[in-house]
C-alpha cells in the first residue's frame, strides 16, 4: 500500500545516491523533470545529498522549514525551478529521499512583482534617464531570464527613436545607422508597428527570419548573439500617445503568453513614466534657462550698458575740450581718467560675472561646486561692493554633474535676490556635506524677509519657484526664513547617494529588429 502511495503521490518523490544521481523516481517526479524514469536513472540530480539528521527529528513531507529551491533544465532553453525537502533514508543513510514540486510560475511571479517595485523605486533615484532605463531593462532580463531587452524613446525633436536603455546585447555605436540601412533595404521593423498602433506586437521565430533575410545583412552580426527566438515589442504610452517601445528578445524555448505580455506592459508603463518625467523636467529646465537669460539681459542693460554709456560721455567731454584748443588742466584730465578707469573696471567685473553665470555648469564640472561658488562670490563682490564670505566643510567632490549645476544656480539666485532687494552689506555662504546630505545656506544682514520677499515677488516672482524646483528634482528642499537679529537665510538641503565602491558595470549594448 505504501509503495502505491509513493508511486501515485501528486508531489515528486525521488531517491538520490551519495554521488548526487537519481536512483528512483515516482511518476510525478519524472513528469516534473520532463523525462522518462528510465532516462533519469543514473542522471545527475539537481538536489544535493542530505546531511545526516543528528537530532533524530521526525520528517514530514510538508515541513516547509526545510524547503529549498533549485533549478533544473530538461532541455535547451527550458528552465524549471523546484522547491524541495531532502532527508537521509533511515534504512540506508547513503541514500537521500527528496520530495519536490514545481514552483517555476510562482517564483517568476515573485520576480516580476519585485522587478516592478524596483523599477518604480528607480524613478525616484538621482540617476539620468539612460541609467534608469538601463536598470529597468536589466530587471526585465533577470525577472524572466530573457536573452535581451532594449528600450527606445522619442528624441527631443519627437521625430525619431533612439536607444535609451539596454541589457543583454553588446554595445555597437553604429547600431541605429545600420538599422536604418536595413529599413532602406526593405526590412520590416516590427517595433514601428507596435509604436504606430499603440499595441504589443509578438513575432515567433524572428531570429531565424533575420538571419535568413538579406535585408538584415547590416545588422546580422550584431543580432546573432545571444541566441534568441520570439520577439515582442510593447509601446510606451504617455497620455494615450506612444513615446517609445520596449523590445524583448526571448531565449530559445521561451514562449510569450498572456502573463508575460502583462508583465512587459507593466514594465513599459514604468519606462513611460520615466520618459515623461524626463521630458517634463527638460521643459522646466529650458523654461528656467530662458528666465535666467532674461534676467541677465535686464542686468546687462541696468549695469554694463549704463557704464559704457558713461565712459562714452567722459570720452566725449575730452573730445570737446580738445577741439577748443584751450589748455586742459592736468587735474581735470586726471579726474576724467580716474572716472573712466573706475567705470571700465566695473564694467569688466560685470561682464566677467555675466559670462560666469552663462556657463556655470562647465565651471562646476571642471573645478567643482566650491570653486564655482567662490568665483561667483568674488565677481559679485567686485561688481557690487557687497562683502561675501564662503565657508565649506565635508566632501564637496560628491556634488558633481547636473546636481552641481542646480546647487550653483540656487545659490546664484539667492545672491541675486540679496543684491537686488535686501540692501545688505554682507553675505555668508555655507556649503556642508555630512551624513549623505548637502546643506547650502545663503545668509544676509539686509532688510529682512518681509521687505525682501515682497520686492522679490514683485520683480522676480519665478525665482523662488525655480529654486525649489531645482532642489525637488534631487529630493531636496529650499526654505526661506528670517535671520536672528537682522536679515534673511535661504537654506537648501539635498540628500546625496551613499558612497560605495564602484562596481564593474557592463556597458549598455544595442540591438533590435
Protein backbone atom coordinates (compact mmCIF):
# COMPACT_ATOMS: atom_id res chain seq x y z
CA UNK A 1 0.00 0.00 0.00
CA UNK A 2 2.73 2.48 0.95
CA UNK A 3 4.62 1.72 -2.23
CA UNK A 4 1.47 2.55 -4.20
CA UNK A 5 1.11 5.82 -2.25
CA UNK A 6 4.67 6.83 -3.18
CA UNK A 7 4.11 6.00 -6.85
CA UNK A 8 0.84 7.94 -7.11
CA UNK A 9 1.82 10.92 -4.90
CA UNK A 10 0.98 14.29 -6.57
CA UNK A 11 4.38 15.63 -5.45
CA UNK A 12 7.62 14.40 -6.96
CA UNK A 13 9.45 11.82 -4.86
CA UNK A 14 12.96 10.70 -5.73
CA UNK A 15 15.86 8.78 -4.20
CA UNK A 16 19.35 10.22 -4.78
CA UNK A 17 22.63 8.41 -4.06
CA UNK A 18 25.74 9.83 -2.36
CA UNK A 19 27.11 10.95 -5.76
CA UNK A 20 24.04 13.10 -6.33
CA UNK A 21 22.48 10.87 -9.02
CA UNK A 22 18.90 9.70 -9.36
CA UNK A 23 18.24 6.12 -8.18
CA UNK A 24 14.44 6.02 -8.34
CA UNK A 25 11.61 8.45 -9.11
CA UNK A 26 7.85 8.26 -8.91
CA UNK A 27 5.59 9.21 -11.84
CA UNK A 28 5.13 12.81 -10.67
CA UNK A 29 8.90 13.28 -10.32
CA UNK A 30 9.57 12.02 -13.85
CA UNK A 31 6.82 14.28 -15.22
CA UNK A 32 8.23 17.30 -13.39
CA UNK A 33 11.70 16.57 -14.76
CA UNK A 34 10.29 16.22 -18.27
CA UNK A 35 11.85 12.79 -19.00
CA UNK A 36 11.06 9.12 -18.63
CA UNK A 37 12.09 7.44 -15.37
CA UNK A 38 14.41 5.10 -17.28
CA UNK A 39 16.24 8.07 -18.81
CA UNK A 40 16.62 9.79 -15.46
CA UNK A 41 18.04 6.78 -13.56
CA UNK A 42 21.75 7.48 -13.09
CA UNK A 43 21.47 11.10 -14.29
CA UNK A 44 22.81 13.92 -12.10
CA UNK A 45 20.01 15.25 -9.92
CA UNK A 46 19.59 18.96 -9.05
CA UNK A 47 19.33 18.01 -5.37
CA UNK A 48 22.46 17.65 -3.21
CA UNK A 49 22.63 14.64 -0.86
CA UNK A 50 21.16 15.45 2.55
CA UNK A 51 23.35 15.78 5.63
CA UNK A 52 22.70 13.28 8.42
CA UNK A 53 19.98 14.42 10.83
CA UNK A 54 21.74 14.28 14.19
CA UNK A 55 18.67 15.41 16.06
CA UNK A 56 16.53 12.44 15.04
CA UNK A 57 13.62 14.80 14.31
CA UNK A 58 10.66 13.24 12.54
CA UNK A 59 10.43 14.36 8.89
CA UNK A 60 7.13 15.31 7.31
CA UNK A 61 6.57 15.88 3.57
CA UNK A 62 5.02 19.32 4.22
CA UNK A 63 7.77 20.53 6.54
CA UNK A 64 8.23 23.96 4.96
CA UNK A 65 11.03 25.00 7.32
CA UNK A 66 13.45 22.69 5.46
CA UNK A 67 12.31 23.68 1.95
CA UNK A 68 14.90 24.93 -0.52
CA UNK A 69 14.80 25.91 -4.21
CA UNK A 70 16.89 24.57 -7.08
CA UNK A 71 16.87 24.87 -10.88
CA UNK A 72 16.54 22.09 -13.47
CA UNK A 73 16.91 22.21 -17.25
CA UNK A 74 15.25 19.29 -19.05
CA UNK A 75 16.29 20.65 -22.45
CA UNK A 76 17.79 23.62 -24.31
CA UNK A 77 16.07 26.90 -23.44
CA UNK A 78 13.85 25.25 -20.79
CA UNK A 79 14.35 26.10 -17.13
CA UNK A 80 12.27 24.82 -14.24
CA UNK A 81 12.53 25.66 -10.56
CA UNK A 82 11.79 23.06 -7.87
CA UNK A 83 11.08 23.63 -4.19
CA UNK A 84 12.32 20.55 -2.35
CA UNK A 85 12.95 18.93 1.03
CA UNK A 86 15.59 16.25 1.48
CA UNK A 87 16.40 13.76 4.23
CA UNK A 88 18.71 10.75 4.53
CA UNK A 89 16.89 7.45 4.11
CA UNK A 90 16.77 5.83 7.59
CA UNK A 91 17.37 2.33 6.21
CA UNK A 92 20.42 3.46 4.20
CA UNK A 93 21.95 6.85 5.14
CA UNK A 94 23.97 6.87 1.89
CA UNK A 95 20.70 7.50 0.06
CA UNK A 96 18.62 10.67 0.20
CA UNK A 97 14.87 10.84 -0.26
CA UNK A 98 13.65 14.07 -1.86
CA UNK A 99 10.12 15.47 -2.08
CA UNK A 100 9.79 18.30 -4.59
CA UNK A 101 7.28 20.38 -6.53
CA UNK A 102 7.39 22.82 -9.46
CA UNK A 103 7.45 26.47 -8.34
CA UNK A 104 8.59 27.98 -11.67
CA UNK A 105 5.47 30.10 -12.20
CA UNK A 106 5.27 31.15 -8.56
CA UNK A 107 8.91 32.24 -8.47
CA UNK A 108 8.54 34.05 -11.76
CA UNK A 109 5.56 35.99 -10.41
CA UNK A 110 7.61 36.93 -7.35
CA UNK A 111 10.49 38.13 -9.50
CA UNK A 112 8.14 40.14 -11.70
CA UNK A 113 6.49 41.84 -8.75
CA UNK A 114 9.92 42.62 -7.28
CA UNK A 115 11.13 43.93 -10.65
CA UNK A 116 8.12 46.25 -10.97
CA UNK A 117 8.66 47.51 -7.42
CA UNK A 118 12.36 48.17 -8.01
CA UNK A 119 11.61 49.90 -11.31
CA UNK A 120 9.10 52.16 -9.56
CA UNK A 121 11.67 52.94 -6.85
CA UNK A 122 14.28 53.79 -9.50
CA UNK A 123 12.01 56.55 -10.83
CA UNK A 124 12.77 58.49 -7.65
CA UNK A 125 16.53 57.90 -7.91
CA UNK A 126 19.10 60.54 -8.78
CA UNK A 127 20.21 58.79 -11.94
CA UNK A 128 19.78 60.03 -15.51
CA UNK A 129 17.05 58.73 -17.81
CA UNK A 130 19.55 56.40 -19.50
CA UNK A 131 20.66 54.98 -16.14
CA UNK A 132 17.05 54.42 -15.06
CA UNK A 133 16.09 52.67 -18.31
CA UNK A 134 19.27 50.56 -18.30
CA UNK A 135 18.34 49.40 -14.81
CA UNK A 136 14.75 48.71 -15.88
CA UNK A 137 15.93 46.66 -18.89
CA UNK A 138 18.17 44.62 -16.58
CA UNK A 139 15.24 43.99 -14.23
CA UNK A 140 13.16 42.57 -17.11
CA UNK A 141 16.01 40.34 -18.31
CA UNK A 142 16.65 38.98 -14.82
CA UNK A 143 13.00 38.51 -13.91
CA UNK A 144 12.16 36.33 -16.95
CA UNK A 145 15.66 35.10 -17.94
CA UNK A 146 15.31 36.75 -21.35
CA UNK A 147 18.09 36.94 -23.91
CA UNK A 148 17.96 40.74 -24.15
CA UNK A 149 15.79 43.82 -23.69
CA UNK A 150 16.07 47.28 -25.19
CA UNK A 151 14.06 50.45 -24.57
CA UNK A 152 13.74 53.14 -27.24
CA UNK A 153 12.23 56.59 -26.75
CA UNK A 154 11.50 59.56 -28.98
CA UNK A 155 14.34 62.05 -29.25
CA UNK A 156 13.75 65.66 -28.07
CA UNK A 157 12.60 66.65 -31.57
CA UNK A 158 9.89 63.95 -31.48
CA UNK A 159 10.81 62.79 -34.99
CA UNK A 160 12.92 59.70 -34.34
CA UNK A 161 13.53 56.89 -31.87
CA UNK A 162 16.79 56.42 -30.02
CA UNK A 163 18.01 53.66 -27.71
CA UNK A 164 17.84 54.79 -24.08
CA UNK A 165 18.10 51.50 -22.16
CA UNK A 166 19.64 48.10 -22.87
CA UNK A 167 20.54 44.77 -21.31
CA UNK A 168 21.78 41.57 -22.92
CA UNK A 169 23.25 42.74 -26.24
CA UNK A 170 26.77 44.01 -26.87
CA UNK A 171 27.25 47.73 -27.44
CA UNK A 172 27.56 48.97 -31.02
CA UNK A 173 27.74 52.73 -31.58
CA UNK A 174 26.58 52.47 -35.19
CA UNK A 175 23.54 50.30 -34.47
CA UNK A 176 20.90 52.90 -35.40
CA UNK A 177 22.66 53.75 -38.66
CA UNK A 178 22.70 50.06 -39.57
CA UNK A 179 19.06 49.66 -38.54
CA UNK A 180 18.05 52.48 -40.89
CA UNK A 181 20.12 50.83 -43.62
CA UNK A 182 18.14 47.61 -43.07
CA UNK A 183 14.89 49.53 -43.38
CA UNK A 184 16.04 51.11 -46.64
CA UNK A 185 16.82 47.62 -47.91
CA UNK A 186 13.22 46.59 -47.24
CA UNK A 187 13.45 45.04 -43.75
CA UNK A 188 10.20 45.16 -41.78
CA UNK A 189 10.71 46.81 -38.38
CA UNK A 190 8.07 45.23 -36.15
CA UNK A 191 8.72 47.72 -33.36
CA UNK A 192 7.47 50.50 -35.65
CA UNK A 193 4.17 48.60 -35.98
CA UNK A 194 3.87 48.48 -32.18
CA UNK A 195 4.72 52.19 -31.98
CA UNK A 196 2.26 53.22 -34.69
CA UNK A 197 -0.63 51.02 -33.47
CA UNK A 198 -0.04 51.59 -29.77
CA UNK A 199 -0.42 47.85 -29.17
CA UNK A 200 2.02 44.98 -28.42
CA UNK A 201 3.42 43.01 -31.33
CA UNK A 202 4.65 39.42 -30.86
CA UNK A 203 6.55 37.50 -33.55
CA UNK A 204 7.69 33.86 -33.28
CA UNK A 205 10.90 32.71 -34.93
CA UNK A 206 12.11 36.27 -35.50
CA UNK A 207 15.81 35.41 -35.09
CA UNK A 208 15.60 32.83 -37.88
CA UNK A 209 13.91 35.33 -40.22
CA UNK A 210 16.55 38.00 -39.57
CA UNK A 211 19.42 35.58 -40.11
CA UNK A 212 17.93 34.47 -43.47
CA UNK A 213 16.68 37.81 -44.85
CA UNK A 214 19.30 39.66 -46.99
CA UNK A 215 17.73 42.99 -45.99
CA UNK A 216 19.04 42.43 -42.44
CA UNK A 217 22.63 41.85 -43.54
CA UNK A 218 23.98 45.13 -41.98
CA UNK A 219 22.76 44.04 -38.51
CA UNK A 220 23.14 40.28 -38.81
CA UNK A 221 26.37 40.01 -36.84
CA UNK A 222 25.09 42.36 -34.15
CA UNK A 223 21.91 40.31 -33.71
CA UNK A 224 23.48 36.85 -33.77
CA UNK A 225 24.45 36.64 -30.09
CA UNK A 226 22.97 35.93 -27.65
CA UNK A 227 20.71 33.47 -29.45
CA UNK A 228 17.00 34.28 -29.20
CA UNK A 229 13.74 33.26 -30.87
CA UNK A 230 10.48 35.07 -30.03
CA UNK A 231 10.38 38.88 -30.28
CA UNK A 232 7.88 41.16 -28.56
CA UNK A 233 7.57 44.94 -28.81
CA UNK A 234 5.39 46.85 -26.34
CA UNK A 235 4.70 50.60 -26.78
CA UNK A 236 5.46 53.16 -24.08
CA UNK A 237 2.24 55.13 -23.79
CA UNK A 238 2.20 58.66 -22.36
CA UNK A 239 -1.27 60.15 -22.06
CA UNK A 240 -2.53 57.83 -24.78
CA UNK A 241 0.28 58.50 -27.26
CA UNK A 242 3.30 56.31 -27.99
CA UNK A 243 6.56 57.80 -26.70
CA UNK A 244 8.75 54.76 -27.36
CA UNK A 245 8.87 50.97 -27.28
CA UNK A 246 10.16 48.19 -25.06
CA UNK A 247 11.63 45.34 -27.14
CA UNK A 248 12.02 41.89 -25.54
CA UNK A 249 14.10 39.08 -27.06
CA UNK A 250 13.19 35.63 -25.71
CA UNK A 251 15.67 32.80 -25.32
CA UNK A 252 15.08 29.65 -27.43
CA UNK A 253 12.31 27.55 -25.87
CA UNK A 254 10.57 30.51 -24.22
CA UNK A 255 7.03 31.25 -25.35
CA UNK A 256 5.23 34.59 -24.98
CA UNK A 257 1.99 34.10 -23.06
CA UNK A 258 -0.63 36.48 -21.72
CA UNK A 259 1.03 36.80 -18.30
CA UNK A 260 4.34 37.59 -19.95
CA UNK A 261 2.74 40.35 -22.01
CA UNK A 262 1.08 41.75 -18.89
CA UNK A 263 4.47 41.88 -17.17
CA UNK A 264 6.11 43.57 -20.16
CA UNK A 265 3.23 46.06 -20.31
CA UNK A 266 3.71 46.87 -16.62
CA UNK A 267 7.43 47.47 -17.13
CA UNK A 268 6.73 49.51 -20.27
CA UNK A 269 4.40 51.66 -18.18
CA UNK A 270 7.23 52.29 -15.71
CA UNK A 271 9.54 53.21 -18.60
CA UNK A 272 6.89 55.57 -20.00
CA UNK A 273 6.64 57.34 -16.64
CA UNK A 274 10.43 57.81 -16.61
CA UNK A 275 10.43 59.14 -20.19
CA UNK A 276 7.54 61.51 -19.48
CA UNK A 277 9.15 62.76 -16.26
CA UNK A 278 12.41 63.40 -18.10
CA UNK A 279 10.60 65.35 -20.84
CA UNK A 280 8.73 67.48 -18.28
CA UNK A 281 11.93 68.13 -16.38
CA UNK A 282 13.72 69.11 -19.59
CA UNK A 283 10.89 71.51 -20.43
CA UNK A 284 11.05 73.07 -16.96
CA UNK A 285 14.82 73.44 -17.17
CA UNK A 286 14.55 75.06 -20.60
CA UNK A 287 11.97 77.47 -19.22
CA UNK A 288 14.20 78.25 -16.25
CA UNK A 289 17.16 78.91 -18.55
CA UNK A 290 15.05 81.31 -20.62
CA UNK A 291 14.01 83.16 -17.49
CA UNK A 292 17.62 83.34 -16.28
CA UNK A 293 18.78 84.68 -19.64
CA UNK A 294 16.08 87.34 -19.49
CA UNK A 295 17.29 88.33 -16.03
CA UNK A 296 20.86 88.53 -17.28
CA UNK A 297 19.68 90.73 -20.14
CA UNK A 298 17.99 93.07 -17.64
CA UNK A 299 21.15 93.17 -15.50
CA UNK A 300 23.23 93.82 -18.61
CA UNK A 301 21.06 96.79 -19.50
CA UNK A 302 20.89 98.14 -15.95
CA UNK A 303 24.63 97.99 -15.27
CA UNK A 304 27.04 97.44 -18.15
CA UNK A 305 25.14 99.41 -20.77
CA UNK A 306 24.87 102.39 -18.40
CA UNK A 307 28.57 102.15 -17.51
CA UNK A 308 29.65 102.02 -21.14
CA UNK A 309 27.37 104.99 -21.85
CA UNK A 310 29.10 106.94 -19.02
CA UNK A 311 32.54 106.06 -20.42
CA UNK A 312 31.41 107.35 -23.78
CA UNK A 313 30.21 110.62 -22.24
CA UNK A 314 33.55 111.12 -20.48
CA UNK A 315 35.43 110.47 -23.71
CA UNK A 316 33.12 112.93 -25.49
CA UNK A 317 33.87 115.63 -22.93
CA UNK A 318 37.61 115.19 -23.54
CA UNK A 319 36.98 115.44 -27.28
CA UNK A 320 35.04 118.72 -26.85
CA UNK A 321 37.79 120.24 -24.70
CA UNK A 322 40.46 119.17 -27.17
CA UNK A 323 38.53 120.75 -30.09
CA UNK A 324 38.51 124.12 -28.32
CA UNK A 325 42.30 124.25 -28.44
CA UNK A 326 42.48 125.61 -24.88
CA UNK A 327 44.97 124.19 -22.41
CA UNK A 328 43.42 121.38 -20.37
CA UNK A 329 44.29 121.40 -16.66
CA UNK A 330 46.11 118.24 -15.61
CA UNK A 331 43.79 117.94 -12.63
CA UNK A 332 40.72 117.73 -14.89
CA UNK A 333 42.37 115.15 -17.12
CA UNK A 334 43.34 113.06 -14.09
CA UNK A 335 39.79 113.26 -12.74
CA UNK A 336 38.25 112.12 -16.03
CA UNK A 337 40.86 109.36 -16.40
CA UNK A 338 40.08 108.12 -12.87
CA UNK A 339 36.35 108.07 -13.63
CA UNK A 340 36.88 106.25 -16.95
CA UNK A 341 39.19 103.73 -15.28
CA UNK A 342 36.73 103.07 -12.47
CA UNK A 343 33.83 102.68 -14.91
CA UNK A 344 35.82 100.34 -17.17
CA UNK A 345 36.91 98.17 -14.22
CA UNK A 346 33.33 97.94 -13.01
CA UNK A 347 32.07 97.09 -16.50
CA UNK A 348 34.76 94.40 -16.85
CA UNK A 349 33.80 92.87 -13.50
CA UNK A 350 30.14 92.87 -14.53
CA UNK A 351 30.97 91.26 -17.87
CA UNK A 352 33.00 88.54 -16.16
CA UNK A 353 30.11 87.88 -13.81
CA UNK A 354 27.70 87.63 -16.74
CA UNK A 355 29.95 85.21 -18.62
CA UNK A 356 30.38 83.15 -15.45
CA UNK A 357 26.63 82.92 -14.95
CA UNK A 358 26.08 81.89 -18.56
CA UNK A 359 28.32 78.84 -18.20
CA UNK A 360 28.20 77.71 -14.55
CA UNK A 361 27.87 74.00 -15.40
CA UNK A 362 31.31 73.99 -17.03
CA UNK A 363 32.85 75.73 -14.02
CA UNK A 364 31.11 73.41 -11.58
CA UNK A 365 32.13 70.33 -13.57
CA UNK A 366 35.76 71.30 -14.14
CA UNK A 367 36.58 72.95 -10.81
CA UNK A 368 33.84 71.69 -8.52
CA UNK A 369 30.86 73.44 -6.96
CA UNK A 370 33.07 75.04 -4.27
CA UNK A 371 35.29 76.84 -6.77
CA UNK A 372 32.34 77.80 -8.96
CA UNK A 373 30.54 79.42 -5.99
CA UNK A 374 33.79 81.07 -4.86
CA UNK A 375 34.24 82.62 -8.31
CA UNK A 376 30.63 83.83 -8.22
CA UNK A 377 31.17 85.37 -4.79
CA UNK A 378 34.34 87.16 -5.94
CA UNK A 379 32.73 88.55 -9.08
CA UNK A 380 29.65 89.70 -7.13
CA UNK A 381 31.84 91.43 -4.54
CA UNK A 382 33.84 93.23 -7.26
CA UNK A 383 30.68 94.27 -9.05
CA UNK A 384 28.55 95.41 -6.09
CA UNK A 385 30.87 96.13 -3.18
CA UNK A 386 28.97 93.53 -1.12
CA UNK A 387 31.12 91.56 1.35
CA UNK A 388 30.73 87.82 0.65
CA UNK A 389 32.33 85.02 2.67
CA UNK A 390 32.30 81.31 1.71
CA UNK A 391 32.62 78.56 4.35
CA UNK A 392 32.96 74.95 3.18
CA UNK A 393 33.11 71.62 5.02
CA UNK A 394 32.76 67.97 4.02
CA UNK A 395 33.42 66.08 0.79
CA UNK A 396 32.34 68.63 -1.82
CA UNK A 397 33.63 66.38 -4.61
CA UNK A 398 30.44 64.31 -4.14
CA UNK A 399 28.47 67.24 -5.57
CA UNK A 400 29.02 67.00 -9.31
CA UNK A 401 27.39 66.95 -12.73
CA UNK A 402 23.84 68.26 -13.03
CA UNK A 403 23.45 68.33 -9.23
CA UNK A 404 26.43 70.74 -9.01
CA UNK A 405 24.85 73.00 -11.63
CA UNK A 406 21.49 73.04 -9.82
CA UNK A 407 23.12 73.84 -6.45
CA UNK A 408 25.13 76.61 -8.11
CA UNK A 409 22.00 78.05 -9.71
CA UNK A 410 20.11 78.02 -6.40
CA UNK A 411 22.94 79.88 -4.64
CA UNK A 412 23.29 82.32 -7.56
CA UNK A 413 19.57 83.10 -7.46
CA UNK A 414 19.71 83.63 -3.68
CA UNK A 415 22.67 86.03 -4.05
CA UNK A 416 20.91 87.80 -6.92
CA UNK A 417 17.88 88.40 -4.66
CA UNK A 418 20.15 89.77 -1.92
CA UNK A 419 21.81 92.21 -4.34
CA UNK A 420 18.52 93.37 -5.83
CA UNK A 421 16.22 93.51 -2.82
CA UNK A 422 17.87 93.04 0.59
CA UNK A 423 20.00 96.24 0.84
CA UNK A 424 22.56 94.11 2.68
CA UNK A 425 26.20 94.83 3.45
CA UNK A 426 27.47 91.26 3.97
CA UNK A 427 26.55 87.72 2.92
CA UNK A 428 27.78 84.39 4.32
CA UNK A 429 27.55 81.29 2.07
CA UNK A 430 27.97 77.86 3.68
CA UNK A 431 28.35 74.51 1.88
CA UNK A 432 28.30 71.46 4.15
CA UNK A 433 28.33 67.76 3.27
CA UNK A 434 27.55 65.49 6.22
CA UNK A 435 25.76 62.15 6.66
CA UNK A 436 24.95 61.77 2.94
CA UNK A 437 23.35 65.22 2.87
CA UNK A 438 24.33 68.54 1.31
CA UNK A 439 23.28 71.73 3.07
CA UNK A 440 23.78 75.10 1.36
CA UNK A 441 22.83 78.36 3.11
CA UNK A 442 22.96 81.97 1.99
CA UNK A 443 22.56 84.38 4.93
CA UNK A 444 22.50 88.20 4.62
CA UNK A 445 22.25 91.11 7.04
CA UNK A 446 19.75 93.05 4.94
CA UNK A 447 16.28 94.42 5.47
CA UNK A 448 14.72 91.07 6.34
CA UNK A 449 12.38 88.59 4.76
CA UNK A 450 9.31 90.82 4.75
CA UNK A 451 10.58 93.65 2.59
CA UNK A 452 12.97 91.45 0.61
CA UNK A 453 10.35 88.84 -0.18
CA UNK A 454 7.82 91.44 -1.23
CA UNK A 455 10.29 93.11 -3.57
CA UNK A 456 11.44 89.76 -4.97
CA UNK A 457 7.88 88.66 -5.62
CA UNK A 458 7.13 91.88 -7.44
CA UNK A 459 10.26 91.81 -9.63
CA UNK A 460 11.22 88.14 -9.99
CA UNK A 461 8.23 86.02 -8.98
CA UNK A 462 9.61 82.92 -10.65
CA UNK A 463 12.90 82.99 -8.70
CA UNK A 464 11.96 81.07 -5.56
CA UNK A 465 9.80 78.68 -7.56
CA UNK A 466 12.72 77.77 -9.82
CA UNK A 467 15.00 77.33 -6.80
CA UNK A 468 12.54 74.94 -5.16
CA UNK A 469 12.03 73.03 -8.42
CA UNK A 470 15.77 72.52 -8.75
CA UNK A 471 16.03 71.16 -5.22
CA UNK A 472 12.95 68.94 -5.54
CA UNK A 473 14.48 67.33 -8.62
CA UNK A 474 17.00 65.69 -6.25
CA UNK A 475 14.56 65.06 -3.42
CA UNK A 476 15.62 68.22 -1.58
CA UNK A 477 14.01 71.35 -0.15
CA UNK A 478 14.54 75.13 -0.14
CA UNK A 479 13.35 77.19 2.84
CA UNK A 480 13.46 80.94 3.42
CA UNK A 481 13.25 82.36 6.94
CA UNK A 482 14.26 85.46 8.91
CA UNK A 483 17.78 85.56 10.28
CA UNK A 484 18.16 86.03 14.00
CA UNK A 485 18.79 89.72 14.59
CA UNK A 486 18.59 91.01 11.04
CA UNK A 487 18.44 89.67 7.52
CA UNK A 488 17.31 86.51 5.76
CA UNK A 489 18.55 82.90 5.44
CA UNK A 490 17.93 80.75 2.36
CA UNK A 491 18.61 77.10 3.23
CA UNK A 492 18.84 74.25 0.70
CA UNK A 493 19.06 70.60 1.79
CA UNK A 494 19.62 67.82 -0.75
CA UNK A 495 20.20 64.11 0.01
CA UNK A 496 23.27 62.55 -1.58
CA UNK A 497 23.63 58.97 -2.80
CA UNK A 498 25.53 56.86 -0.20
CA UNK A 499 29.20 56.45 -1.05
CA UNK A 500 30.05 52.96 -2.36
CA UNK A 501 32.89 51.25 -4.18
CA UNK A 502 32.31 51.48 -7.93
CA UNK A 503 31.05 48.22 -9.38
CA UNK A 504 32.35 46.80 -12.62
CA UNK A 505 29.34 47.62 -14.79
CA UNK A 506 28.54 46.09 -18.13
CA UNK A 507 28.17 48.75 -20.82
CA UNK A 508 24.73 49.09 -22.29
CA UNK A 509 24.53 47.41 -25.65
CA UNK A 510 22.31 47.85 -28.64
CA UNK A 511 20.38 45.61 -30.95
CA UNK A 512 16.79 45.43 -32.12
CA UNK A 513 14.76 44.35 -35.09
